[in-house]
Amino acid sequence: MSLKDEAIRIEGLTIRFRDLTAVDGLDLTVGKGELFGLLGPNGAGKTTTIKVLCGLLKPESGLVRVGGHDVAHEMGKVKQMIGVCPQEMGIFPFLTGRENVELFGDLAGVPKGELKERVDGLLERMSLSQDAGRKVKDYSGGMKRRISLIMALVGEPSISFLDEPTTGMDPQSRRAVWDFIRGLKEKGMTIVLTTHYMEEAEYLCDRVGIIDHGRIIALDPPKALMERYGAKDLEEVFLQLTGKKIREAA
């Protein structure tokens, strides 16, 4: 992959927490417009890697570039082009859903004349229009996840990091979010997704990387991985490689 086609490049990334090596010499490249799934058991290094890409952790060693910019020295430029939906939701509970989204739209620099229309459209697509005037403290867990996703994307970033975005959602809401995410990819957004739902990764991802003990142990499109390991689905591939079912790993 040439430099002009890369959205993310990681070379030799290492992160340690005292005696624990969370990420161990990780190498990974994600192309522009790719929907990439980063899969693995809890503690495998997924969220730590995402935190480095978002500027929440500094790399101990190695090179990490996002949108052509080195996260160690150009994080200001990186933050202008990324959106982040974290596991720990940064929602203001005593604001309404709409107020939360509008606040993040302002912070992302969405022009005032466009903000209302954009927020209305996102709330409608996430089936939250009727509840947009309620305080978020009264939302269900799944509704909070949907608002968190909208907040991450209201600024229309070119690169998005979605860390377990559908956790706590009912199957109908999860499927709606899948279609929403695919629509973003079709518009050219680069997306890095972590998930414990293997059917989600199969449905959405162009490629997946399975990470364990801080290293990528398999990397390919879902169908190619299933064929290589003679597996009926991605869950079975995960079990063969990590020795755990994904639900146990969660």
C-alpha atoms as a PDB file:
ATOM      1  CA  MET A   1       0.000   0.000   0.000  1.00  0.00           C
ATOM      2  CA  SER A   2       1.482   3.363  -1.009  1.00  0.00           C
ATOM      3  CA  LEU A   3       1.721   6.261   1.437  1.00  0.00           C
ATOM      4  CA  LYS A   4      -0.952   8.238  -0.419  1.00  0.00           C
ATOM      5  CA  ASP A   5      -3.405   5.345   0.028  1.00  0.00           C
ATOM      6  CA  GLU A   6      -2.806   4.978   3.776  1.00  0.00           C
ATOM      7  CA  ALA A   7      -5.071   6.401   6.463  1.00  0.00           C
ATOM      8  CA  ILE A   8      -3.231   4.775   9.382  1.00  0.00           C
ATOM      9  CA  ARG A   9       0.267   3.345   9.701  1.00  0.00           C
ATOM     10  CA  ILE A  10       1.592   1.665  12.855  1.00  0.00           C
ATOM     11  CA  GLU A  11       5.155   0.349  12.998  1.00  0.00           C
ATOM     12  CA  GLY A  12       6.641  -1.357  16.057  1.00  0.00           C
ATOM     13  CA  LEU A  13       4.174   0.160  18.534  1.00  0.00           C
ATOM     14  CA  THR A  14       4.897  -0.861  22.125  1.00  0.00           C
ATOM     15  CA  ILE A  15       2.968   0.160  25.234  1.00  0.00           C
ATOM     16  CA  ARG A  16       3.828  -1.103  28.728  1.00  0.00           C
ATOM     17  CA  PHE A  17       2.086  -0.589  32.047  1.00  0.00           C
ATOM     18  CA  ARG A  18       4.731  -1.453  34.653  1.00  0.00           C
ATOM     19  CA  ASP A  19       5.378  -5.166  34.126  1.00  0.00           C
ATOM     20  CA  LEU A  20       2.514  -5.634  31.649  1.00  0.00           C
ATOM     21  CA  THR A  21       3.149  -5.285  27.920  1.00  0.00           C
ATOM     22  CA  ALA A  22      -0.227  -4.254  26.519  1.00  0.00           C
ATOM     23  CA  VAL A  23       0.934  -3.730  22.921  1.00  0.00           C
ATOM     24  CA  ASP A  24       4.017  -5.595  21.753  1.00  0.00           C
ATOM     25  CA  GLY A  25       5.742  -4.310  18.615  1.00  0.00           C
ATOM     26  CA  LEU A  26       2.480  -3.917  16.697  1.00  0.00           C
ATOM     27  CA  ASP A  27       2.583  -3.369  12.914  1.00  0.00           C
ATOM     28  CA  LEU A  28      -0.602  -2.429  11.054  1.00  0.00           C
ATOM     29  CA  THR A  29      -1.698  -0.399   8.032  1.00  0.00           C
ATOM     30  CA  VAL A  30      -5.283   0.710   7.294  1.00  0.00           C
ATOM     31  CA  GLY A  31      -6.157   2.095   3.879  1.00  0.00           C
ATOM     32  CA  LYS A  32      -8.151   5.212   3.110  1.00  0.00           C
ATOM     33  CA  GLY A  33     -11.858   4.407   2.969  1.00  0.00           C
ATOM     34  CA  GLU A  34     -11.369   1.003   4.600  1.00  0.00           C
ATOM     35  CA  LEU A  35     -13.656  -0.369   7.296  1.00  0.00           C
ATOM     36  CA  PHE A  36     -11.224  -2.268   9.479  1.00  0.00           C
ATOM     37  CA  GLY A  37     -12.161  -4.505  12.406  1.00  0.00           C
ATOM     38  CA  LEU A  38      -9.761  -4.906  15.335  1.00  0.00           C
ATOM     39  CA  LEU A  39     -10.826  -8.013  17.231  1.00  0.00           C
ATOM     40  CA  GLY A  40      -9.499  -9.777  20.291  1.00  0.00           C
ATOM     41  CA  PRO A  41     -10.110 -10.869  23.876  1.00  0.00           C
ATOM     42  CA  ASN A  42     -10.250  -8.299  26.659  1.00  0.00           C
ATOM     43  CA  GLY A  43      -6.712  -7.310  27.561  1.00  0.00           C
ATOM     44  CA  ALA A  44      -5.404  -8.165  24.095  1.00  0.00           C
ATOM     45  CA  GLY A  45      -4.434  -4.554  23.306  1.00  0.00           C
ATOM     46  CA  LYS A  46      -7.393  -3.308  21.234  1.00  0.00           C
ATOM     47  CA  THR A  47      -8.472  -0.356  23.334  1.00  0.00           C
ATOM     48  CA  THR A  48      -4.884   0.579  24.187  1.00  0.00           C
ATOM     49  CA  THR A  49      -4.108   0.781  20.469  1.00  0.00           C
ATOM     50  CA  ILE A  50      -7.198   2.919  19.849  1.00  0.00           C
ATOM     51  CA  LYS A  51      -6.173   5.264  22.676  1.00  0.00           C
ATOM     52  CA  VAL A  52      -2.775   5.781  21.042  1.00  0.00           C
ATOM     53  CA  LEU A  53      -4.401   6.525  17.682  1.00  0.00           C
ATOM     54  CA  CYS A  54      -6.680   9.082  19.359  1.00  0.00           C
ATOM     55  CA  GLY A  55      -3.903  10.764  21.326  1.00  0.00           C
ATOM     56  CA  LEU A  56      -5.027   9.540  24.762  1.00  0.00           C
ATOM     57  CA  LEU A  57      -1.804   7.555  25.241  1.00  0.00           C
ATOM     58  CA  LYS A  58       1.678   8.317  23.983  1.00  0.00           C
ATOM     59  CA  PRO A  59       3.531   5.500  22.213  1.00  0.00           C
ATOM     60  CA  GLU A  60       6.451   4.207  24.259  1.00  0.00           C
ATOM     61  CA  SER A  61       8.223   3.235  21.055  1.00  0.00           C
ATOM     62  CA  GLY A  62       7.379   2.872  17.400  1.00  0.00           C
ATOM     63  CA  LEU A  63       5.814   5.048  14.716  1.00  0.00           C
ATOM     64  CA  VAL A  64       2.091   5.870  14.574  1.00  0.00           C
ATOM     65  CA  ARG A  65       0.692   8.039  11.771  1.00  0.00           C
ATOM     66  CA  VAL A  66      -2.966   8.983  11.306  1.00  0.00           C
ATOM     67  CA  GLY A  67      -3.966  10.835   8.164  1.00  0.00           C
ATOM     68  CA  GLY A  68      -0.282  11.258   7.351  1.00  0.00           C
ATOM     69  CA  HIS A  69       0.509  12.924  10.703  1.00  0.00           C
ATOM     70  CA  ASP A  70       2.708  11.566  13.487  1.00  0.00           C
ATOM     71  CA  VAL A  71       0.596  11.253  16.652  1.00  0.00           C
ATOM     72  CA  ALA A  72       3.656  11.901  18.824  1.00  0.00           C
ATOM     73  CA  HIS A  73       4.284  15.344  17.330  1.00  0.00           C
ATOM     74  CA  GLU A  74       1.226  16.421  15.292  1.00  0.00           C
ATOM     75  CA  MET A  75      -1.723  15.412  17.430  1.00  0.00           C
ATOM     76  CA  GLY A  76      -3.401  18.774  16.892  1.00  0.00           C
ATOM     77  CA  LYS A  77      -3.672  18.045  13.176  1.00  0.00           C
ATOM     78  CA  VAL A  78      -4.813  14.470  13.837  1.00  0.00           C
ATOM     79  CA  LYS A  79      -7.643  15.640  16.112  1.00  0.00           C
ATOM     80  CA  GLN A  80      -8.987  17.851  13.331  1.00  0.00           C
ATOM     81  CA  MET A  81      -9.696  14.814  11.143  1.00  0.00           C
ATOM     82  CA  ILE A  82     -10.863  12.093  13.576  1.00  0.00           C
ATOM     83  CA  GLY A  83     -14.056  11.140  15.385  1.00  0.00           C
ATOM     84  CA  VAL A  84     -14.073   8.844  18.416  1.00  0.00           C
ATOM     85  CA  CYS A  85     -16.866   6.750  19.916  1.00  0.00           C
ATOM     86  CA  PRO A  86     -15.215   5.366  23.081  1.00  0.00           C
ATOM     87  CA  GLN A  87     -16.261   2.513  25.342  1.00  0.00           C
ATOM     88  CA  GLU A  88     -16.537   4.981  28.218  1.00  0.00           C
ATOM     89  CA  MET A  89     -19.231   7.317  26.964  1.00  0.00           C
ATOM     90  CA  GLY A  90     -18.437  11.020  27.355  1.00  0.00           C
ATOM     91  CA  ILE A  91     -22.053  12.142  27.561  1.00  0.00           C
ATOM     92  CA  PHE A  92     -23.406  14.943  29.761  1.00  0.00           C
ATOM     93  CA  PRO A  93     -26.317  13.244  31.574  1.00  0.00           C
ATOM     94  CA  PHE A  94     -28.210  16.421  32.491  1.00  0.00           C
ATOM     95  CA  LEU A  95     -28.231  17.729  28.926  1.00  0.00           C
ATOM     96  CA  THR A  96     -30.753  16.449  26.405  1.00  0.00           C
ATOM     97  CA  GLY A  97     -29.704  14.183  23.577  1.00  0.00           C
ATOM     98  CA  ARG A  98     -29.953  17.056  21.118  1.00  0.00           C
ATOM     99  CA  GLU A  99     -27.936  19.387  23.366  1.00  0.00           C
ATOM    100  CA  ASN A 100     -25.144  16.819  23.658  1.00  0.00           C
ATOM    101  CA  VAL A 101     -24.928  16.401  19.888  1.00  0.00           C
ATOM    102  CA  GLU A 102     -25.105  20.148  19.193  1.00  0.00           C
ATOM    103  CA  LEU A 103     -22.359  20.798  21.749  1.00  0.00           C
ATOM    104  CA  PHE A 104     -20.031  18.333  20.040  1.00  0.00           C
ATOM    105  CA  GLY A 105     -20.999  19.739  16.662  1.00  0.00           C
ATOM    106  CA  ASP A 106     -19.925  23.188  17.856  1.00  0.00           C
ATOM    107  CA  LEU A 107     -16.646  21.781  19.184  1.00  0.00           C
ATOM    108  CA  ALA A 108     -16.053  20.044  15.840  1.00  0.00           C
ATOM    109  CA  GLY A 109     -16.510  23.339  14.005  1.00  0.00           C
ATOM    110  CA  VAL A 110     -19.746  22.528  12.178  1.00  0.00           C
ATOM    111  CA  PRO A 111     -21.028  25.820  10.692  1.00  0.00           C
ATOM    112  CA  LYS A 112     -23.994  27.240  12.600  1.00  0.00           C
ATOM    113  CA  GLY A 113     -26.113  27.280   9.471  1.00  0.00           C
ATOM    114  CA  GLU A 114     -25.596  23.549   8.920  1.00  0.00           C
ATOM    115  CA  LEU A 115     -25.681  22.257  12.479  1.00  0.00           C
ATOM    116  CA  LYS A 116     -29.433  21.926  13.052  1.00  0.00           C
ATOM    117  CA  GLU A 117     -30.070  20.159   9.770  1.00  0.00           C
ATOM    118  CA  ARG A 118     -27.163  17.799  10.321  1.00  0.00           C
ATOM    119  CA  VAL A 119     -28.212  16.985  13.881  1.00  0.00           C
ATOM    120  CA  ASP A 120     -31.832  16.449  12.806  1.00  0.00           C
ATOM    121  CA  GLY A 121     -30.704  14.027  10.118  1.00  0.00           C
ATOM    122  CA  LEU A 122     -28.484  12.004  12.449  1.00  0.00           C
ATOM    123  CA  LEU A 123     -31.146  11.792  15.158  1.00  0.00           C
ATOM    124  CA  GLU A 124     -33.662  10.598  12.576  1.00  0.00           C
ATOM    125  CA  ARG A 125     -31.326   7.926  11.209  1.00  0.00           C
ATOM    126  CA  MET A 126     -30.656   6.642  14.730  1.00  0.00           C
ATOM    127  CA  SER A 127     -34.399   6.662  15.582  1.00  0.00           C
ATOM    128  CA  LEU A 128     -33.859   9.199  18.358  1.00  0.00           C
ATOM    129  CA  SER A 129     -35.856  12.166  17.079  1.00  0.00           C
ATOM    130  CA  GLN A 130     -38.750  11.617  19.476  1.00  0.00           C
ATOM    131  CA  ASP A 131     -36.406  11.312  22.473  1.00  0.00           C
ATOM    132  CA  ALA A 132     -33.989  14.106  21.518  1.00  0.00           C
ATOM    133  CA  GLY A 133     -35.561  16.531  24.006  1.00  0.00           C
ATOM    134  CA  ARG A 134     -35.170  14.191  26.985  1.00  0.00           C
ATOM    135  CA  LYS A 135     -32.202  14.348  29.347  1.00  0.00           C
ATOM    136  CA  VAL A 136     -29.680  11.630  28.594  1.00  0.00           C
ATOM    137  CA  LYS A 137     -29.732  10.420  32.216  1.00  0.00           C
ATOM    138  CA  ASP A 138     -33.163   8.961  31.432  1.00  0.00           C
ATOM    139  CA  TYR A 139     -31.999   7.090  28.312  1.00  0.00           C
ATOM    140  CA  SER A 140     -31.529   3.331  28.128  1.00  0.00           C
ATOM    141  CA  GLY A 141     -28.019   1.973  27.660  1.00  0.00           C
ATOM    142  CA  GLY A 142     -28.622   1.361  23.965  1.00  0.00           C
ATOM    143  CA  MET A 143     -29.939   4.897  23.441  1.00  0.00           C
ATOM    144  CA  LYS A 144     -26.852   6.315  25.140  1.00  0.00           C
ATOM    145  CA  ARG A 145     -24.638   4.299  22.796  1.00  0.00           C
ATOM    146  CA  ARG A 146     -26.498   5.694  19.779  1.00  0.00           C
ATOM    147  CA  ILE A 147     -26.145   9.274  21.039  1.00  0.00           C
ATOM    148  CA  SER A 148     -22.442   8.646  21.682  1.00  0.00           C
ATOM    149  CA  LEU A 149     -22.043   7.430  18.101  1.00  0.00           C
ATOM    150  CA  ILE A 150     -23.815  10.521  16.714  1.00  0.00           C
ATOM    151  CA  MET A 151     -21.613  12.780  18.842  1.00  0.00           C
ATOM    152  CA  ALA A 152     -18.503  11.145  17.386  1.00  0.00           C
ATOM    153  CA  LEU A 153     -19.693  11.617  13.810  1.00  0.00           C
ATOM    154  CA  VAL A 154     -21.534  14.930  13.776  1.00  0.00           C
ATOM    155  CA  GLY A 155     -18.352  16.688  12.632  1.00  0.00           C
ATOM    156  CA  GLU A 156     -18.110  14.368   9.591  1.00  0.00           C
ATOM    157  CA  PRO A 157     -14.533  13.243  10.313  1.00  0.00           C
ATOM    158  CA  SER A 158     -12.478  11.555   7.613  1.00  0.00           C
ATOM    159  CA  ILE A 159     -11.273   8.866  10.070  1.00  0.00           C
ATOM    160  CA  SER A 160     -13.392   7.381  12.868  1.00  0.00           C
ATOM    161  CA  PHE A 161     -12.611   5.040  15.747  1.00  0.00           C
ATOM    162  CA  LEU A 162     -15.643   3.120  16.986  1.00  0.00           C
ATOM    163  CA  ASP A 163     -14.875   1.162  20.160  1.00  0.00           C
ATOM    164  CA  GLU A 164     -17.686  -1.349  20.839  1.00  0.00           C
ATOM    165  CA  PRO A 165     -20.345   1.014  19.386  1.00  0.00           C
ATOM    166  CA  THR A 166     -23.297  -1.421  19.597  1.00  0.00           C
ATOM    167  CA  THR A 167     -22.794  -2.808  23.105  1.00  0.00           C
ATOM    168  CA  GLY A 168     -26.094  -2.914  24.993  1.00  0.00           C
ATOM    169  CA  MET A 169     -28.298  -2.471  21.935  1.00  0.00           C
ATOM    170  CA  ASP A 170     -31.226  -4.674  21.037  1.00  0.00           C
ATOM    171  CA  PRO A 171     -30.895  -6.610  17.748  1.00  0.00           C
ATOM    172  CA  GLN A 172     -33.092  -4.187  15.781  1.00  0.00           C
ATOM    173  CA  SER A 173     -31.107  -1.133  16.913  1.00  0.00           C
ATOM    174  CA  ARG A 174     -27.826  -2.933  16.268  1.00  0.00           C
ATOM    175  CA  ARG A 175     -28.836  -3.720  12.691  1.00  0.00           C
ATOM    176  CA  ALA A 176     -29.820  -0.068  12.120  1.00  0.00           C
ATOM    177  CA  VAL A 177     -26.408   1.027  13.365  1.00  0.00           C
ATOM    178  CA  TRP A 178     -24.699  -1.486  11.061  1.00  0.00           C
ATOM    179  CA  ASP A 179     -26.479   0.022   8.070  1.00  0.00           C
ATOM    180  CA  PHE A 180     -25.576   3.509   9.274  1.00  0.00           C
ATOM    181  CA  ILE A 181     -21.887   2.581   9.574  1.00  0.00           C
ATOM    182  CA  ARG A 182     -21.866   0.980   6.127  1.00  0.00           C
ATOM    183  CA  GLY A 183     -23.327   4.184   4.719  1.00  0.00           C
ATOM    184  CA  LEU A 184     -20.451   6.175   6.219  1.00  0.00           C
ATOM    185  CA  LYS A 185     -17.949   3.816   4.641  1.00  0.00           C
ATOM    186  CA  GLU A 186     -19.641   4.175   1.262  1.00  0.00           C
ATOM    187  CA  LYS A 187     -19.147   7.949   1.551  1.00  0.00           C
ATOM    188  CA  GLY A 188     -15.386   7.395   1.883  1.00  0.00           C
ATOM    189  CA  MET A 189     -14.868   7.512   5.646  1.00  0.00           C
ATOM    190  CA  THR A 190     -12.072   5.360   7.086  1.00  0.00           C
ATOM    191  CA  ILE A 191     -13.398   3.426  10.087  1.00  0.00           C
ATOM    192  CA  VAL A 192     -11.615   1.341  12.706  1.00  0.00           C
ATOM    193  CA  LEU A 193     -14.118  -0.800  14.601  1.00  0.00           C
ATOM    194  CA  THR A 194     -13.678  -2.918  17.707  1.00  0.00           C
ATOM    195  CA  THR A 195     -16.458  -5.334  18.575  1.00  0.00           C
ATOM    196  CA  HIS A 196     -17.220  -8.534  20.458  1.00  0.00           C
ATOM    197  CA  TYR A 197     -19.985  -9.370  17.977  1.00  0.00           C
ATOM    198  CA  MET A 198     -18.365 -11.544  15.321  1.00  0.00           C
ATOM    199  CA  GLU A 199     -21.419 -11.345  13.060  1.00  0.00           C
ATOM    200  CA  GLU A 200     -20.982  -7.561  13.171  1.00  0.00           C
ATOM    201  CA  ALA A 201     -17.402  -7.839  11.946  1.00  0.00           C
ATOM    202  CA  GLU A 202     -18.409 -10.303   9.213  1.00  0.00           C
ATOM    203  CA  TYR A 203     -21.165  -8.009   7.980  1.00  0.00           C
ATOM    204  CA  LEU A 204     -19.280  -4.723   8.099  1.00  0.00           C
ATOM    205  CA  CYS A 205     -15.543  -5.127   7.731  1.00  0.00           C
ATOM    206  CA  ASP A 206     -13.388  -5.115   4.611  1.00  0.00           C
ATOM    207  CA  ARG A 207     -10.608  -6.674   6.671  1.00  0.00           C
ATOM    208  CA  VAL A 208     -10.192  -7.774  10.265  1.00  0.00           C
ATOM    209  CA  GLY A 209      -7.110  -8.097  12.411  1.00  0.00           C
ATOM    210  CA  ILE A 210      -7.238 -10.466  15.368  1.00  0.00           C
ATOM    211  CA  ILE A 211      -4.989  -9.241  18.173  1.00  0.00           C
ATOM    212  CA  ASP A 212      -3.833 -11.277  21.168  1.00  0.00           C
ATOM    213  CA  HIS A 213      -1.150 -10.458  23.737  1.00  0.00           C
ATOM    214  CA  GLY A 214      -0.527  -7.162  21.971  1.00  0.00           C
ATOM    215  CA  ARG A 215       0.256  -8.631  18.547  1.00  0.00           C
ATOM    216  CA  ILE A 216      -1.730  -9.175  15.354  1.00  0.00           C
ATOM    217  CA  ILE A 217      -2.050 -12.947  14.920  1.00  0.00           C
ATOM    218  CA  ALA A 218      -4.315 -12.956  11.832  1.00  0.00           C
ATOM    219  CA  LEU A 219      -5.121 -10.322   9.225  1.00  0.00           C
ATOM    220  CA  ASP A 220      -7.387 -10.659   6.173  1.00  0.00           C
ATOM    221  CA  PRO A 221     -10.958 -10.160   4.912  1.00  0.00           C
ATOM    222  CA  PRO A 222     -13.426 -12.182   7.038  1.00  0.00           C
ATOM    223  CA  LYS A 223     -14.255 -14.602   4.239  1.00  0.00           C
ATOM    224  CA  ALA A 224     -10.570 -15.273   3.525  1.00  0.00           C
ATOM    225  CA  LEU A 225      -9.925 -16.033   7.197  1.00  0.00           C
ATOM    226  CA  MET A 226     -12.871 -18.429   7.335  1.00  0.00           C
ATOM    227  CA  GLU A 227     -11.605 -20.250   4.237  1.00  0.00           C
ATOM    228  CA  ARG A 228      -8.029 -20.421   5.540  1.00  0.00           C
ATOM    229  CA  TYR A 229      -9.051 -21.985   8.849  1.00  0.00           C
ATOM    230  CA  GLY A 230     -11.884 -24.126   7.478  1.00  0.00           C
ATOM    231  CA  ALA A 231     -14.358 -22.300   9.707  1.00  0.00           C
ATOM    232  CA  LYS A 232     -18.076 -21.742   9.196  1.00  0.00           C
ATOM    233  CA  ASP A 233     -17.909 -18.245  10.689  1.00  0.00           C
ATOM    234  CA  LEU A 234     -15.544 -15.708  12.228  1.00  0.00           C
ATOM    235  CA  GLU A 235     -16.414 -16.864  15.750  1.00  0.00           C
ATOM    236  CA  GLU A 236     -14.891 -20.245  14.935  1.00  0.00           C
ATOM    237  CA  VAL A 237     -11.741 -18.599  13.552  1.00  0.00           C
ATOM    238  CA  PHE A 238     -11.453 -16.582  16.767  1.00  0.00           C
ATOM    239  CA  LEU A 239     -11.813 -19.731  18.862  1.00  0.00           C
ATOM    240  CA  GLN A 240      -9.125 -21.572  16.905  1.00  0.00           C
ATOM    241  CA  LEU A 241      -6.641 -18.710  17.197  1.00  0.00           C
ATOM    242  CA  THR A 242      -7.197 -17.518  20.768  1.00  0.00           C
ATOM    243  CA  GLY A 243      -8.594 -20.621  22.458  1.00  0.00           C
ATOM    244  CA  LYS A 244     -11.591 -18.636  23.662  1.00  0.00           C
ATOM    245  CA  LYS A 245     -15.104 -18.017  22.461  1.00  0.00           C
ATOM    246  CA  ILE A 246     -15.639 -14.318  21.896  1.00  0.00           C
ATOM    247  CA  ARG A 247     -18.360 -14.153  24.577  1.00  0.00           C
ATOM    248  CA  GLU A 248     -15.953 -15.720  27.107  1.00  0.00           C
ATOM    249  CA  ALA A 249     -13.230 -13.332  25.948  1.00  0.00           C
ATOM    250  CA  ALA A 250     -15.534 -10.388  26.658  1.00  0.00           C
END
